[in-house]
C-alpha atoms as a PDB file:
ATOM      1  CA  MET A   1      15.283 -43.121   6.327  1.00  0.00           C
ATOM      2  CA  LYS A   2      18.585 -42.455   5.442  1.00  0.00           C
ATOM      3  CA  ARG A   3      19.347 -41.821   2.409  1.00  0.00           C
ATOM      4  CA  ILE A   4      23.044 -43.064   0.245  1.00  0.00           C
ATOM      5  CA  ILE A   5      25.118 -41.002  -2.030  1.00  0.00           C
ATOM      6  CA  LYS A   6      24.952 -43.205  -4.720  1.00  0.00           C
ATOM      7  CA  TYR A   7      28.088 -41.083  -6.670  1.00  0.00           C
ATOM      8  CA  SER A   8      31.436 -39.738  -5.805  1.00  0.00           C
ATOM      9  CA  LYS A   9      31.566 -36.377  -5.276  1.00  0.00           C
ATOM     10  CA  GLY A  10      33.141 -34.973  -8.942  1.00  0.00           C
ATOM     11  CA  GLU A  11      29.872 -37.173 -10.422  1.00  0.00           C
ATOM     12  CA  ILE A  12      27.589 -34.454  -8.177  1.00  0.00           C
ATOM     13  CA  ASP A  13      29.633 -31.677  -9.994  1.00  0.00           C
ATOM     14  CA  LYS A  14      29.910 -33.226 -12.475  1.00  0.00           C
ATOM     15  CA  ALA A  15      25.970 -32.913 -13.180  1.00  0.00           C
ATOM     16  CA  GLY A  16      25.997 -29.686 -10.920  1.00  0.00           C
ATOM     17  CA  ASP A  17      28.208 -28.644 -14.526  1.00  0.00           C
ATOM     18  CA  VAL A  18      26.026 -30.674 -17.238  1.00  0.00           C
ATOM     19  CA  LEU A  19      22.471 -28.477 -15.204  1.00  0.00           C
ATOM     20  CA  ALA A  20      24.610 -25.252 -14.774  1.00  0.00           C
ATOM     21  CA  GLY A  21      24.766 -25.805 -18.797  1.00  0.00           C
ATOM     22  CA  LYS A  22      27.619 -26.500 -19.233  1.00  0.00           C
ATOM     23  CA  SER A  23      29.278 -29.637 -21.770  1.00  0.00           C
ATOM     24  CA  VAL A  24      30.342 -32.429 -20.367  1.00  0.00           C
ATOM     25  CA  LYS A  25      31.887 -35.787 -21.972  1.00  0.00           C
ATOM     26  CA  GLY A  26      29.872 -38.194 -21.392  1.00  0.00           C
ATOM     27  CA  MET A  27      26.500 -36.993 -18.934  1.00  0.00           C
ATOM     28  CA  SER A  28      23.673 -36.532 -20.094  1.00  0.00           C
ATOM     29  CA  ARG A  29      21.697 -34.517 -18.889  1.00  0.00           C
ATOM     30  CA  ASP A  30      19.179 -37.777 -17.641  1.00  0.00           C
ATOM     31  CA  LEU A  31      21.774 -38.499 -15.631  1.00  0.00           C
ATOM     32  CA  ALA A  32      22.599 -34.810 -14.118  1.00  0.00           C
ATOM     33  CA  ILE A  33      18.814 -34.772 -13.251  1.00  0.00           C
ATOM     34  CA  ASN A  34      18.868 -37.945 -11.735  1.00  0.00           C
ATOM     35  CA  ILE A  35      22.552 -37.183  -9.445  1.00  0.00           C
ATOM     36  CA  LEU A  36      21.116 -34.285  -8.442  1.00  0.00           C
ATOM     37  CA  GLU A  37      18.292 -35.852  -6.850  1.00  0.00           C
ATOM     38  CA  ASN A  38      19.536 -38.134  -5.214  1.00  0.00           C
ATOM     39  CA  PHE A  39      22.170 -35.913  -3.831  1.00  0.00           C
ATOM     40  CA  ARG A  40      19.507 -34.110  -2.517  1.00  0.00           C
ATOM     41  CA  SER A  41      17.922 -36.729  -1.577  1.00  0.00           C
ATOM     42  CA  ILE A  42      20.984 -36.984   1.480  1.00  0.00           C
ATOM     43  CA  HIS A  43      20.121 -34.228   2.705  1.00  0.00           C
ATOM     44  CA  THR A  44      16.742 -35.086   4.328  1.00  0.00           C
ATOM     45  CA  HIS A  45      18.207 -37.328   7.276  1.00  0.00           C
ATOM     46  CA  PRO A  46      20.565 -34.184   8.314  1.00  0.00           C
ATOM     47  CA  LEU A  47      17.246 -32.285   7.793  1.00  0.00           C
ATOM     48  CA  ASN A  48      15.253 -33.981  11.178  1.00  0.00           C
ATOM     49  CA  VAL A  49      18.356 -34.846  13.235  1.00  0.00           C
ATOM     50  CA  PHE A  50      18.868 -30.487  12.822  1.00  0.00           C
ATOM     51  CA  ARG A  51      15.584 -29.812  13.390  1.00  0.00           C
ATOM     52  CA  MET A  52      15.276 -32.537  16.271  1.00  0.00           C
ATOM     53  CA  GLU A  53      17.712 -30.632  18.199  1.00  0.00           C
ATOM     54  CA  LEU A  54      16.544 -27.525  17.545  1.00  0.00           C
ATOM     55  CA  ILE A  55      13.261 -28.186  18.529  1.00  0.00           C
ATOM     56  CA  LYS A  56      14.454 -29.351  21.495  1.00  0.00           C
ATOM     57  CA  LYS A  57      17.065 -25.755  22.148  1.00  0.00           C
ATOM     58  CA  THR A  58      13.959 -24.039  21.677  1.00  0.00           C
ATOM     59  CA  ASN A  59      11.594 -25.803  24.057  1.00  0.00           C
ATOM     60  CA  GLU A  60      14.908 -24.640  27.157  1.00  0.00           C
ATOM     61  CA  ILE A  61      14.512 -21.462  26.498  1.00  0.00           C
ATOM     62  CA  GLY A  62      10.894 -20.813  26.303  1.00  0.00           C
ATOM     63  CA  LYS A  63       7.342 -21.842  23.817  1.00  0.00           C
ATOM     64  CA  GLY A  64       6.353 -20.225  20.777  1.00  0.00           C
ATOM     65  CA  SER A  65       9.402 -20.539  18.370  1.00  0.00           C
ATOM     66  CA  LEU A  66       8.660 -21.790  14.710  1.00  0.00           C
ATOM     67  CA  ILE A  67      11.169 -24.291  13.299  1.00  0.00           C
ATOM     68  CA  SER A  68      10.802 -24.926   9.803  1.00  0.00           C
ATOM     69  CA  GLN A  69      13.224 -27.221   7.151  1.00  0.00           C
ATOM     70  CA  ARG A  70      13.178 -26.968   3.658  1.00  0.00           C
ATOM     71  CA  LEU A  71      15.140 -28.689   0.327  1.00  0.00           C
ATOM     72  CA  LYS A  72      15.452 -26.626  -1.589  1.00  0.00           C
ATOM     73  CA  ARG A  73      13.741 -27.581  -4.576  1.00  0.00           C
ATOM     74  CA  ALA A  74      16.051 -28.456  -7.954  1.00  0.00           C
ATOM     75  CA  PRO A  75      15.068 -25.517 -10.284  1.00  0.00           C
ATOM     76  CA  SER A  76      16.788 -23.430  -7.725  1.00  0.00           C
ATOM     77  CA  ILE A  77      19.509 -25.326  -7.231  1.00  0.00           C
ATOM     78  CA  VAL A  78      20.002 -24.678 -11.599  1.00  0.00           C
ATOM     79  CA  ARG A  79      19.237 -21.484 -11.014  1.00  0.00           C
ATOM     80  CA  LYS A  80      22.223 -20.741  -8.444  1.00  0.00           C
ATOM     81  CA  LEU A  81      24.631 -23.095 -10.157  1.00  0.00           C
ATOM     82  CA  LYS A  82      23.901 -21.161 -13.330  1.00  0.00           C
ATOM     83  CA  ILE A  83      24.205 -17.718 -11.429  1.00  0.00           C
ATOM     84  CA  GLN A  84      27.538 -18.231  -9.654  1.00  0.00           C
ATOM     85  CA  LYS A  85      29.257 -19.742 -12.646  1.00  0.00           C
ATOM     86  CA  ARG A  86      32.152 -20.991  -9.607  1.00  0.00           C
ATOM     87  CA  MET A  87      29.193 -22.784  -7.133  1.00  0.00           C
ATOM     88  CA  SER A  88      29.874 -25.752  -6.882  1.00  0.00           C
ATOM     89  CA  LEU A  89      27.280 -28.455  -6.945  1.00  0.00           C
ATOM     90  CA  SER A  90      29.099 -30.674  -4.136  1.00  0.00           C
ATOM     91  CA  GLN A  91      29.642 -27.765  -1.835  1.00  0.00           C
ATOM     92  CA  MET A  92      26.337 -26.092  -2.111  1.00  0.00           C
ATOM     93  CA  GLN A  93      25.909 -25.036   1.985  1.00  0.00           C
ATOM     94  CA  ASP A  94      21.909 -24.519   1.510  1.00  0.00           C
ATOM     95  CA  ILE A  95      20.702 -27.711   0.064  1.00  0.00           C
ATOM     96  CA  GLY A  96      19.670 -28.493   3.186  1.00  0.00           C
ATOM     97  CA  GLY A  97      17.333 -25.577   5.832  1.00  0.00           C
ATOM     98  CA  ILE A  98      16.962 -25.138   8.555  1.00  0.00           C
ATOM     99  CA  ARG A  99      15.154 -22.334  10.238  1.00  0.00           C
ATOM    100  CA  ALA A 100      13.795 -20.990  13.916  1.00  0.00           C
ATOM    101  CA  VAL A 101      12.025 -18.148  14.325  1.00  0.00           C
ATOM    102  CA  VAL A 102      12.061 -17.313  17.947  1.00  0.00           C
ATOM    103  CA  LYS A 103      10.450 -13.760  19.749  1.00  0.00           C
ATOM    104  CA  ASP A 104      14.008 -11.962  20.154  1.00  0.00           C
ATOM    105  CA  MET A 105      17.106 -11.132  19.450  1.00  0.00           C
ATOM    106  CA  GLU A 106      18.173 -12.068  22.997  1.00  0.00           C
ATOM    107  CA  THR A 107      16.441 -15.944  22.409  1.00  0.00           C
ATOM    108  CA  VAL A 108      18.103 -15.315  19.336  1.00  0.00           C
ATOM    109  CA  TYR A 109      21.527 -14.789  21.189  1.00  0.00           C
ATOM    110  CA  LYS A 110      20.458 -18.057  23.909  1.00  0.00           C
ATOM    111  CA  LEU A 111      19.595 -20.094  20.910  1.00  0.00           C
ATOM    112  CA  ARG A 112      22.335 -19.568  19.069  1.00  0.00           C
ATOM    113  CA  ASP A 113      24.565 -20.658  22.284  1.00  0.00           C
ATOM    114  CA  LEU A 114      23.089 -23.716  22.800  1.00  0.00           C
ATOM    115  CA  ILE A 115      24.088 -24.638  20.260  1.00  0.00           C
ATOM    116  CA  ARG A 116      27.224 -23.561  19.696  1.00  0.00           C
ATOM    117  CA  LYS A 117      27.611 -25.620  22.959  1.00  0.00           C
ATOM    118  CA  SER A 118      26.328 -28.653  21.479  1.00  0.00           C
ATOM    119  CA  GLU A 119      29.040 -28.723  19.018  1.00  0.00           C
ATOM    120  CA  THR A 120      31.173 -30.427  21.878  1.00  0.00           C
ATOM    121  CA  GLN A 121      28.828 -33.620  23.009  1.00  0.00           C
ATOM    122  CA  PRO A 122      29.972 -36.854  21.546  1.00  0.00           C
ATOM    123  CA  ALA A 123      27.155 -37.516  20.201  1.00  0.00           C
ATOM    124  CA  PHE A 124      26.729 -34.331  17.987  1.00  0.00           C
ATOM    125  CA  LYS A 125      28.005 -35.467  14.485  1.00  0.00           C
ATOM    126  CA  SER A 126      28.236 -31.957  12.443  1.00  0.00           C
ATOM    127  CA  ILE A 127      31.059 -29.824  12.404  1.00  0.00           C
ATOM    128  CA  LEU A 128      30.981 -25.936  12.155  1.00  0.00           C
ATOM    129  CA  THR A 129      32.516 -24.953   8.468  1.00  0.00           C
ATOM    130  CA  LYS A 130      30.582 -21.058   8.949  1.00  0.00           C
ATOM    131  CA  GLU A 131      29.022 -18.553  11.184  1.00  0.00           C
ATOM    132  CA  THR A 132      27.601 -15.339   9.706  1.00  0.00           C
ATOM    133  CA  ASP A 133      25.939 -13.088  11.678  1.00  0.00           C
ATOM    134  CA  TYR A 134      23.919 -10.730   9.240  1.00  0.00           C
ATOM    135  CA  ILE A 135      22.030  -9.339  12.416  1.00  0.00           C
ATOM    136  CA  LYS A 136      24.634  -8.122  13.599  1.00  0.00           C
ATOM    137  CA  GLU A 137      26.208  -6.798   9.708  1.00  0.00           C
ATOM    138  CA  PRO A 138      22.964  -7.202   7.715  1.00  0.00           C
ATOM    139  CA  LYS A 139      23.168  -7.460   3.670  1.00  0.00           C
ATOM    140  CA  GLU A 140      22.939  -4.723   1.991  1.00  0.00           C
ATOM    141  CA  SER A 141      19.566  -5.817   1.612  1.00  0.00           C
ATOM    142  CA  GLY A 142      18.532  -4.744   5.297  1.00  0.00           C
ATOM    143  CA  TYR A 143      18.574  -9.139   5.217  1.00  0.00           C
ATOM    144  CA  ARG A 144      19.172  -9.723   9.408  1.00  0.00           C
ATOM    145  CA  SER A 145      19.797 -13.434  10.343  1.00  0.00           C
ATOM    146  CA  ILE A 146      22.816 -16.134  11.860  1.00  0.00           C
ATOM    147  CA  HIS A 147      23.937 -18.619   9.832  1.00  0.00           C
ATOM    148  CA  LEU A 148      25.357 -21.089  10.921  1.00  0.00           C
ATOM    149  CA  ILE A 149      27.218 -23.639   7.946  1.00  0.00           C
ATOM    150  CA  TYR A 150      27.590 -27.290   9.466  1.00  0.00           C
ATOM    151  CA  LYS A 151      28.919 -30.335   7.376  1.00  0.00           C
ATOM    152  CA  TYR A 152      27.053 -32.647   8.369  1.00  0.00           C
ATOM    153  CA  GLY A 153      28.359 -36.309   9.108  1.00  0.00           C
ATOM    154  CA  GLU A 154      32.248 -35.922  10.808  1.00  0.00           C
ATOM    155  CA  LYS A 155      33.133 -39.778  10.551  1.00  0.00           C
ATOM    156  CA  VAL A 156      31.619 -40.418   7.745  1.00  0.00           C
ATOM    157  CA  LYS A 157      33.638 -40.607   3.314  1.00  0.00           C
ATOM    158  CA  ALA A 158      33.681 -36.469   2.189  1.00  0.00           C
ATOM    159  CA  GLU A 159      31.659 -37.903  -0.797  1.00  0.00           C
ATOM    160  CA  ASN A 160      28.480 -39.006   2.298  1.00  0.00           C
ATOM    161  CA  ALA A 161      29.057 -35.842   4.268  1.00  0.00           C
ATOM    162  CA  CYS A 162      26.554 -32.370   3.731  1.00  0.00           C
ATOM    163  CA  ARG A 163      25.921 -29.224   4.431  1.00  0.00           C
ATOM    164  CA  ILE A 164      23.012 -27.899   6.851  1.00  0.00           C
ATOM    165  CA  GLU A 165      21.841 -24.217   6.555  1.00  0.00           C
ATOM    166  CA  VAL A 166      20.506 -23.126   9.975  1.00  0.00           C
ATOM    167  CA  GLN A 167      19.173 -19.463   9.971  1.00  0.00           C
ATOM    168  CA  LEU A 168      18.008 -18.074  12.965  1.00  0.00           C
ATOM    169  CA  ARG A 169      15.919 -14.916  13.113  1.00  0.00           C
ATOM    170  CA  THR A 170      13.380 -12.536  15.683  1.00  0.00           C
ATOM    171  CA  LYS A 171       9.797 -12.654  14.239  1.00  0.00           C
ATOM    172  CA  ILE A 172       9.863  -9.093  12.940  1.00  0.00           C
ATOM    173  CA  GLN A 173      13.220 -10.271  11.230  1.00  0.00           C
ATOM    174  CA  HIS A 174      11.147 -13.582   9.640  1.00  0.00           C
ATOM    175  CA  ALA A 175       8.878 -10.879   8.292  1.00  0.00           C
ATOM    176  CA  TRP A 176      11.115  -8.028   6.872  1.00  0.00           C
ATOM    177  CA  ALA A 177      12.235 -11.383   4.867  1.00  0.00           C
ATOM    178  CA  THR A 178      10.006 -12.893   3.528  1.00  0.00           C
END
């Protein structure tokens, strides 16, 4: 079931400020929590859409891939807002996350190319906002994966659009990361 956002971008960001511990006139912590839960809920439909698309794409390149998805839990969102002082709740890129774990590097890049090719299809409802290849340029920790950040809902009001993070990695990279 597709959920509807009940709050403006400004209200979402104020809720994020309250949850991060800042004082915001006219907003209680209870209201901030309700806004956060509503904002989290709008990520459910896009996650399911991306999951179905990833299943289709991974089946095109062979069997044996693992697809998982998750909504970032509220305590994790609050922790991130507290740590990253300049982060606004409405701009958080990983509230909705989906991951494809495939057999090898060649398959990671094939899958990435198939997904990127889909962007030209009329039915594709998202805009790529950022691609980061942590395989070619790993994080200092050694973490490796490809991250594609999509803004879901190219033809909807800005406050109804949300960001979905798609991660692509090999089974070995996944074992290391977990």
